[in-house]
Amino acid sequence: MSGTELLLAVSVLIALLLVISVARTNRRLAERVAVLERATPVGESEAASLRAQVDASLSRVAVVRYDAFGDMGGRLSFSAAVLDANGDGLVLTSIHGRSESRTYAKGIAAGETPDESTTLTPEERHAVAAARKGSPTA
């Protein structure tokens, strides 16, 4: 056996021992995690708290794209609704024109605007309805 072959064999043996060591360590860690999971299970109150936190997050999003003006194409205007499970959140609307773009933000409570002076456009209503259904685009 030449020196190169011996060096290769030793390298393979060291690599094999490392793989075996890592596999044993991973198995021991998995066993420890399983023991910890059995020792501290998530109770119903913790699960309810987690559900409430998820419901309160702004996790329902929908975007409606449209042409705001009849003489322009490309559907560059949009209304985006970002809501939680109760229908609270906001609607962002960007109206794209030839020479400028305008952006509006409106607060939403239970799927509607909380004050009577602010109304939702049909596109904004469409975005809110789609977000409440869980549809990302409308």
N, C-alpha and C. Protein backbone atom coordinates (compact mmCIF):
# COMPACT_ATOMS: atom_id res chain seq x y z
N MET A 1 0.86 -1.16 0.00
CA MET A 1 0.00 0.00 0.00
C MET A 1 0.91 1.23 0.00
N SER A 2 0.67 2.13 -0.92
CA SER A 2 1.49 3.33 -1.03
C SER A 2 1.06 4.35 0.03
N GLY A 3 1.87 5.37 0.18
CA GLY A 3 1.60 6.42 1.17
C GLY A 3 0.31 7.16 0.86
N THR A 4 0.02 7.39 -0.43
CA THR A 4 -1.19 8.09 -0.82
C THR A 4 -2.43 7.26 -0.50
N GLU A 5 -2.36 5.95 -0.79
CA GLU A 5 -3.49 5.06 -0.50
C GLU A 5 -3.74 4.98 1.00
N LEU A 6 -2.65 4.94 1.78
CA LEU A 6 -2.78 4.89 3.24
C LEU A 6 -3.42 6.17 3.77
N LEU A 7 -2.99 7.32 3.25
CA LEU A 7 -3.55 8.59 3.66
C LEU A 7 -5.04 8.67 3.31
N LEU A 8 -5.41 8.17 2.13
CA LEU A 8 -6.81 8.15 1.72
C LEU A 8 -7.64 7.25 2.63
N ALA A 9 -7.12 6.08 2.96
CA ALA A 9 -7.84 5.15 3.84
C ALA A 9 -8.05 5.76 5.22
N VAL A 10 -7.03 6.42 5.75
CA VAL A 10 -7.14 7.06 7.07
C VAL A 10 -8.17 8.19 7.02
N SER A 11 -8.16 8.96 5.94
CA SER A 11 -9.12 10.05 5.79
C SER A 11 -10.54 9.52 5.74
N VAL A 12 -10.76 8.44 5.00
CA VAL A 12 -12.09 7.84 4.91
C VAL A 12 -12.52 7.34 6.29
N LEU A 13 -11.62 6.72 7.01
CA LEU A 13 -11.94 6.21 8.35
C LEU A 13 -12.31 7.35 9.30
N ILE A 14 -11.57 8.45 9.25
CA ILE A 14 -11.87 9.60 10.11
C ILE A 14 -13.24 10.19 9.73
N ALA A 15 -13.52 10.31 8.45
CA ALA A 15 -14.81 10.84 8.00
C ALA A 15 -15.94 9.93 8.47
N LEU A 16 -15.75 8.62 8.38
CA LEU A 16 -16.76 7.67 8.81
C LEU A 16 -17.02 7.79 10.31
N LEU A 17 -15.97 7.93 11.10
CA LEU A 17 -16.11 8.10 12.55
C LEU A 17 -16.85 9.40 12.88
N LEU A 18 -16.56 10.48 12.13
CA LEU A 18 -17.27 11.73 12.35
C LEU A 18 -18.75 11.60 12.04
N VAL A 19 -19.09 10.91 10.95
CA VAL A 19 -20.49 10.70 10.58
C VAL A 19 -21.21 9.92 11.67
N ILE A 20 -20.58 8.87 12.16
CA ILE A 20 -21.19 8.06 13.22
C ILE A 20 -21.38 8.90 14.48
N SER A 21 -20.39 9.72 14.82
CA SER A 21 -20.49 10.56 16.01
C SER A 21 -21.62 11.57 15.88
N VAL A 22 -21.75 12.20 14.71
CA VAL A 22 -22.82 13.17 14.49
C VAL A 22 -24.18 12.49 14.55
N ALA A 23 -24.29 11.30 13.97
CA ALA A 23 -25.56 10.57 14.00
C ALA A 23 -25.97 10.23 15.43
N ARG A 24 -25.02 9.79 16.24
CA ARG A 24 -25.33 9.49 17.65
C ARG A 24 -25.75 10.75 18.40
N THR A 25 -25.04 11.83 18.16
CA THR A 25 -25.38 13.09 18.83
C THR A 25 -26.78 13.54 18.43
N ASN A 26 -27.11 13.47 17.14
CA ASN A 26 -28.44 13.85 16.68
C ASN A 26 -29.52 12.97 17.32
N ARG A 27 -29.28 11.69 17.42
CA ARG A 27 -30.25 10.78 18.03
C ARG A 27 -30.45 11.13 19.50
N ARG A 28 -29.35 11.42 20.22
CA ARG A 28 -29.47 11.79 21.63
C ARG A 28 -30.24 13.10 21.79
N LEU A 29 -29.97 14.06 20.91
CA LEU A 29 -30.69 15.34 20.97
C LEU A 29 -32.18 15.13 20.69
N ALA A 30 -32.51 14.30 19.72
CA ALA A 30 -33.91 14.03 19.41
C ALA A 30 -34.60 13.37 20.60
N GLU A 31 -33.92 12.47 21.28
CA GLU A 31 -34.49 11.83 22.46
C GLU A 31 -34.71 12.85 23.58
N ARG A 32 -33.75 13.76 23.76
CA ARG A 32 -33.90 14.80 24.79
C ARG A 32 -35.07 15.73 24.48
N VAL A 33 -35.23 16.10 23.21
CA VAL A 33 -36.35 16.95 22.81
C VAL A 33 -37.68 16.24 23.08
N ALA A 34 -37.74 14.96 22.77
CA ALA A 34 -38.96 14.20 23.01
C ALA A 34 -39.29 14.16 24.50
N VAL A 35 -38.28 13.99 25.34
CA VAL A 35 -38.50 13.98 26.79
C VAL A 35 -39.02 15.34 27.25
N LEU A 36 -38.43 16.42 26.74
CA LEU A 36 -38.89 17.76 27.12
C LEU A 36 -40.31 18.02 26.64
N GLU A 37 -40.65 17.57 25.44
CA GLU A 37 -42.01 17.76 24.94
C GLU A 37 -43.03 17.01 25.79
N ARG A 38 -42.67 15.81 26.26
CA ARG A 38 -43.58 15.06 27.12
C ARG A 38 -43.69 15.70 28.50
N ALA A 39 -42.60 16.31 28.97
CA ALA A 39 -42.60 16.90 30.31
C ALA A 39 -43.36 18.22 30.35
N THR A 40 -43.39 18.97 29.25
CA THR A 40 -44.06 20.27 29.24
C THR A 40 -45.00 20.37 28.04
N PRO A 41 -46.10 19.64 28.06
CA PRO A 41 -47.03 19.72 26.94
C PRO A 41 -47.76 21.06 26.94
N VAL A 42 -48.19 21.47 25.78
CA VAL A 42 -48.96 22.70 25.66
C VAL A 42 -50.37 22.41 26.12
N GLY A 43 -50.81 23.14 27.13
CA GLY A 43 -52.15 22.95 27.65
C GLY A 43 -53.17 23.73 26.84
N GLU A 44 -54.44 23.54 27.17
CA GLU A 44 -55.52 24.19 26.44
C GLU A 44 -55.44 25.71 26.58
N SER A 45 -55.06 26.20 27.77
CA SER A 45 -54.98 27.65 27.95
C SER A 45 -53.86 28.26 27.11
N GLU A 46 -52.73 27.56 27.01
CA GLU A 46 -51.65 28.04 26.17
C GLU A 46 -52.05 28.01 24.70
N ALA A 47 -52.75 26.97 24.28
CA ALA A 47 -53.22 26.87 22.90
C ALA A 47 -54.22 27.98 22.59
N ALA A 48 -55.11 28.27 23.54
CA ALA A 48 -56.08 29.35 23.34
C ALA A 48 -55.37 30.70 23.24
N SER A 49 -54.34 30.90 24.05
CA SER A 49 -53.57 32.14 23.99
C SER A 49 -52.87 32.27 22.63
N LEU A 50 -52.32 31.18 22.14
CA LEU A 50 -51.67 31.20 20.82
C LEU A 50 -52.68 31.49 19.72
N ARG A 51 -53.86 30.87 19.81
CA ARG A 51 -54.90 31.13 18.81
C ARG A 51 -55.31 32.61 18.81
N ALA A 52 -55.43 33.20 19.99
CA ALA A 52 -55.80 34.61 20.10
C ALA A 52 -54.73 35.50 19.49
N GLN A 53 -53.47 35.15 19.70
CA GLN A 53 -52.38 35.93 19.12
C GLN A 53 -52.39 35.84 17.60
N VAL A 54 -52.66 34.67 17.06
CA VAL A 54 -52.72 34.50 15.61
C VAL A 54 -53.90 35.28 15.05
N ASP A 55 -55.05 35.23 15.71
CA ASP A 55 -56.23 35.96 15.23
C ASP A 55 -56.00 37.47 15.26
N ALA A 56 -55.20 37.96 16.21
CA ALA A 56 -54.95 39.40 16.31
C ALA A 56 -53.90 39.89 15.32
N SER A 57 -53.17 38.98 14.69
CA SER A 57 -52.14 39.41 13.75
C SER A 57 -52.76 39.82 12.42
N LEU A 58 -52.12 40.74 11.74
CA LEU A 58 -52.59 41.19 10.43
C LEU A 58 -52.16 40.15 9.40
N SER A 59 -52.93 39.11 9.30
CA SER A 59 -52.52 37.97 8.48
C SER A 59 -53.38 37.76 7.24
N ARG A 60 -54.41 38.56 7.07
CA ARG A 60 -55.29 38.41 5.91
C ARG A 60 -55.06 39.59 4.97
N VAL A 61 -54.54 39.28 3.79
CA VAL A 61 -54.15 40.31 2.83
C VAL A 61 -54.77 40.01 1.49
N ALA A 62 -55.27 41.06 0.82
CA ALA A 62 -55.78 40.91 -0.55
C ALA A 62 -55.47 42.18 -1.32
N VAL A 63 -55.20 42.01 -2.61
CA VAL A 63 -54.89 43.14 -3.48
C VAL A 63 -55.82 43.11 -4.68
N VAL A 64 -56.40 44.27 -4.99
CA VAL A 64 -57.24 44.44 -6.18
C VAL A 64 -56.53 45.46 -7.07
N ARG A 65 -56.22 45.05 -8.29
CA ARG A 65 -55.59 45.96 -9.27
C ARG A 65 -56.65 46.38 -10.28
N TYR A 66 -56.55 47.64 -10.73
CA TYR A 66 -57.56 48.14 -11.66
C TYR A 66 -57.03 49.37 -12.38
N ASP A 67 -57.74 49.76 -13.42
CA ASP A 67 -57.47 51.01 -14.14
C ASP A 67 -58.37 52.08 -13.53
N ALA A 68 -57.76 53.07 -12.90
CA ALA A 68 -58.55 54.12 -12.24
C ALA A 68 -59.17 55.08 -13.25
N PHE A 69 -58.54 55.23 -14.41
CA PHE A 69 -59.03 56.15 -15.43
C PHE A 69 -59.24 55.38 -16.73
N GLY A 70 -60.30 55.72 -17.44
CA GLY A 70 -60.66 55.00 -18.65
C GLY A 70 -59.64 55.09 -19.77
N ASP A 71 -58.85 56.16 -19.80
CA ASP A 71 -57.90 56.33 -20.90
C ASP A 71 -56.53 55.72 -20.61
N MET A 72 -56.39 55.02 -19.49
CA MET A 72 -55.10 54.41 -19.14
C MET A 72 -55.29 52.92 -18.94
N GLY A 73 -54.28 52.15 -19.34
CA GLY A 73 -54.33 50.71 -19.17
C GLY A 73 -53.23 50.24 -18.24
N GLY A 74 -53.09 48.95 -18.12
CA GLY A 74 -52.02 48.36 -17.33
C GLY A 74 -52.37 48.04 -15.90
N ARG A 75 -53.56 48.41 -15.48
CA ARG A 75 -54.00 48.13 -14.11
C ARG A 75 -52.93 48.50 -13.08
N LEU A 76 -52.47 49.76 -13.14
CA LEU A 76 -51.41 50.21 -12.25
C LEU A 76 -51.94 50.74 -10.92
N SER A 77 -53.22 51.01 -10.83
CA SER A 77 -53.82 51.43 -9.55
C SER A 77 -54.17 50.17 -8.76
N PHE A 78 -54.17 50.30 -7.43
CA PHE A 78 -54.50 49.13 -6.61
C PHE A 78 -55.08 49.54 -5.27
N SER A 79 -55.80 48.62 -4.67
CA SER A 79 -56.26 48.72 -3.29
C SER A 79 -55.83 47.44 -2.59
N ALA A 80 -55.16 47.58 -1.46
CA ALA A 80 -54.67 46.43 -0.71
C ALA A 80 -55.26 46.47 0.70
N ALA A 81 -55.94 45.41 1.08
CA ALA A 81 -56.50 45.31 2.44
C ALA A 81 -55.60 44.40 3.27
N VAL A 82 -55.30 44.84 4.48
CA VAL A 82 -54.49 44.07 5.43
C VAL A 82 -55.30 44.01 6.72
N LEU A 83 -55.81 42.81 7.06
CA LEU A 83 -56.75 42.67 8.17
C LEU A 83 -56.35 41.55 9.13
N ASP A 84 -56.92 41.60 10.33
CA ASP A 84 -56.80 40.47 11.25
C ASP A 84 -58.07 39.62 11.13
N ALA A 85 -58.22 38.64 12.00
CA ALA A 85 -59.36 37.71 11.92
C ALA A 85 -60.69 38.40 12.20
N ASN A 86 -60.68 39.52 12.91
CA ASN A 86 -61.91 40.25 13.22
C ASN A 86 -62.31 41.25 12.14
N GLY A 87 -61.49 41.37 11.10
CA GLY A 87 -61.76 42.34 10.05
C GLY A 87 -61.23 43.73 10.38
N ASP A 88 -60.34 43.83 11.36
CA ASP A 88 -59.72 45.11 11.72
C ASP A 88 -58.38 45.23 11.01
N GLY A 89 -58.05 46.43 10.57
CA GLY A 89 -56.77 46.65 9.90
C GLY A 89 -56.79 47.92 9.10
N LEU A 90 -56.34 47.85 7.84
CA LEU A 90 -56.30 49.03 7.01
C LEU A 90 -56.38 48.66 5.54
N VAL A 91 -56.74 49.67 4.74
CA VAL A 91 -56.75 49.54 3.29
C VAL A 91 -55.83 50.62 2.74
N LEU A 92 -54.90 50.22 1.89
CA LEU A 92 -54.02 51.16 1.19
C LEU A 92 -54.46 51.20 -0.25
N THR A 93 -54.65 52.40 -0.78
CA THR A 93 -55.06 52.56 -2.16
C THR A 93 -54.09 53.50 -2.85
N SER A 94 -53.63 53.11 -4.03
CA SER A 94 -52.76 53.95 -4.84
C SER A 94 -53.44 54.16 -6.19
N ILE A 95 -53.70 55.42 -6.50
CA ILE A 95 -54.34 55.78 -7.77
C ILE A 95 -53.25 56.30 -8.69
N HIS A 96 -53.04 55.61 -9.80
CA HIS A 96 -52.00 55.97 -10.75
C HIS A 96 -52.60 56.75 -11.91
N GLY A 97 -52.10 57.97 -12.11
CA GLY A 97 -52.54 58.81 -13.22
C GLY A 97 -51.39 59.05 -14.18
N ARG A 98 -51.65 59.81 -15.22
CA ARG A 98 -50.60 60.09 -16.21
C ARG A 98 -49.43 60.87 -15.62
N SER A 99 -49.73 61.88 -14.82
CA SER A 99 -48.66 62.75 -14.33
C SER A 99 -48.35 62.58 -12.84
N GLU A 100 -49.18 61.84 -12.13
CA GLU A 100 -48.93 61.67 -10.70
C GLU A 100 -49.64 60.43 -10.17
N SER A 101 -49.21 60.04 -9.00
CA SER A 101 -49.87 58.95 -8.27
C SER A 101 -50.21 59.46 -6.88
N ARG A 102 -51.34 59.04 -6.40
CA ARG A 102 -51.76 59.41 -5.04
C ARG A 102 -52.01 58.14 -4.24
N THR A 103 -51.65 58.20 -2.98
CA THR A 103 -51.81 57.04 -2.11
C THR A 103 -52.65 57.43 -0.90
N TYR A 104 -53.60 56.56 -0.55
CA TYR A 104 -54.51 56.81 0.55
C TYR A 104 -54.48 55.61 1.50
N ALA A 105 -54.66 55.88 2.77
CA ALA A 105 -54.77 54.82 3.78
C ALA A 105 -56.05 55.07 4.57
N LYS A 106 -56.79 53.99 4.79
CA LYS A 106 -58.03 54.09 5.57
C LYS A 106 -58.06 52.98 6.61
N GLY A 107 -58.42 53.33 7.82
CA GLY A 107 -58.56 52.35 8.88
C GLY A 107 -59.83 51.53 8.69
N ILE A 108 -59.77 50.28 9.09
CA ILE A 108 -60.91 49.37 8.96
C ILE A 108 -61.17 48.73 10.32
N ALA A 109 -62.44 48.70 10.71
CA ALA A 109 -62.86 48.02 11.94
C ALA A 109 -64.06 47.15 11.59
N ALA A 110 -63.93 45.88 11.83
CA ALA A 110 -64.98 44.89 11.53
C ALA A 110 -65.41 44.97 10.06
N GLY A 111 -64.44 45.22 9.19
CA GLY A 111 -64.71 45.22 7.75
C GLY A 111 -65.25 46.51 7.20
N GLU A 112 -65.39 47.54 8.04
CA GLU A 112 -65.92 48.84 7.60
C GLU A 112 -65.02 49.95 8.13
N THR A 113 -65.20 51.15 7.59
CA THR A 113 -64.48 52.30 8.14
C THR A 113 -65.13 52.70 9.45
N PRO A 114 -64.34 53.01 10.47
CA PRO A 114 -64.91 53.31 11.78
C PRO A 114 -65.62 54.67 11.86
N ASP A 115 -65.26 55.63 10.99
CA ASP A 115 -65.94 56.92 11.06
C ASP A 115 -66.82 57.11 9.82
N GLU A 116 -67.87 57.88 10.00
CA GLU A 116 -68.86 58.05 8.94
C GLU A 116 -68.38 58.97 7.82
N SER A 117 -67.34 59.77 8.07
CA SER A 117 -66.86 60.70 7.05
C SER A 117 -66.01 60.00 5.99
N THR A 118 -65.56 58.79 6.26
CA THR A 118 -64.74 58.05 5.32
C THR A 118 -65.55 56.90 4.74
N THR A 119 -65.56 56.82 3.44
CA THR A 119 -66.25 55.71 2.78
C THR A 119 -65.25 54.90 1.97
N LEU A 120 -65.60 53.67 1.72
CA LEU A 120 -64.75 52.80 0.92
C LEU A 120 -65.22 52.83 -0.53
N THR A 121 -64.25 52.83 -1.44
CA THR A 121 -64.59 52.74 -2.86
C THR A 121 -64.99 51.29 -3.17
N PRO A 122 -65.60 51.03 -4.32
CA PRO A 122 -65.94 49.65 -4.67
C PRO A 122 -64.71 48.74 -4.69
N GLU A 123 -63.58 49.25 -5.18
CA GLU A 123 -62.36 48.44 -5.22
C GLU A 123 -61.86 48.13 -3.82
N GLU A 124 -61.95 49.11 -2.91
CA GLU A 124 -61.54 48.89 -1.53
C GLU A 124 -62.46 47.88 -0.85
N ARG A 125 -63.75 47.98 -1.11
CA ARG A 125 -64.69 47.00 -0.55
C ARG A 125 -64.38 45.60 -1.06
N HIS A 126 -64.04 45.52 -2.34
CA HIS A 126 -63.70 44.24 -2.94
C HIS A 126 -62.45 43.65 -2.26
N ALA A 127 -61.43 44.49 -2.03
CA ALA A 127 -60.21 44.03 -1.36
C ALA A 127 -60.49 43.57 0.06
N VAL A 128 -61.31 44.33 0.80
CA VAL A 128 -61.66 43.96 2.17
C VAL A 128 -62.40 42.62 2.19
N ALA A 129 -63.36 42.45 1.28
CA ALA A 129 -64.12 41.20 1.23
C ALA A 129 -63.19 40.03 0.90
N ALA A 130 -62.28 40.22 -0.04
CA ALA A 130 -61.36 39.13 -0.40
C ALA A 130 -60.42 38.79 0.75
N ALA A 131 -59.94 39.81 1.46
CA ALA A 131 -59.05 39.56 2.61
C ALA A 131 -59.79 38.81 3.70
N ARG A 132 -61.04 39.17 3.96
CA ARG A 132 -61.82 38.49 5.00
C ARG A 132 -62.05 37.03 4.64
N LYS A 133 -62.16 36.72 3.34
CA LYS A 133 -62.32 35.34 2.89
C LYS A 133 -61.01 34.58 2.88
N GLY A 134 -59.89 35.32 2.94
CA GLY A 134 -58.57 34.68 2.90
C GLY A 134 -58.03 34.53 1.49
N SER A 135 -58.62 35.24 0.53
CA SER A 135 -58.15 35.18 -0.85
C SER A 135 -57.10 36.28 -1.07
N PRO A 136 -55.91 35.95 -1.56
CA PRO A 136 -54.84 36.96 -1.69
C PRO A 136 -55.09 37.98 -2.80
N THR A 137 -55.79 37.59 -3.83
CA THR A 137 -56.10 38.53 -4.91
C THR A 137 -57.58 38.43 -5.23
N ALA A 138 -58.11 39.50 -5.71
CA ALA A 138 -59.52 39.52 -6.03
C ALA A 138 -59.73 39.89 -7.48
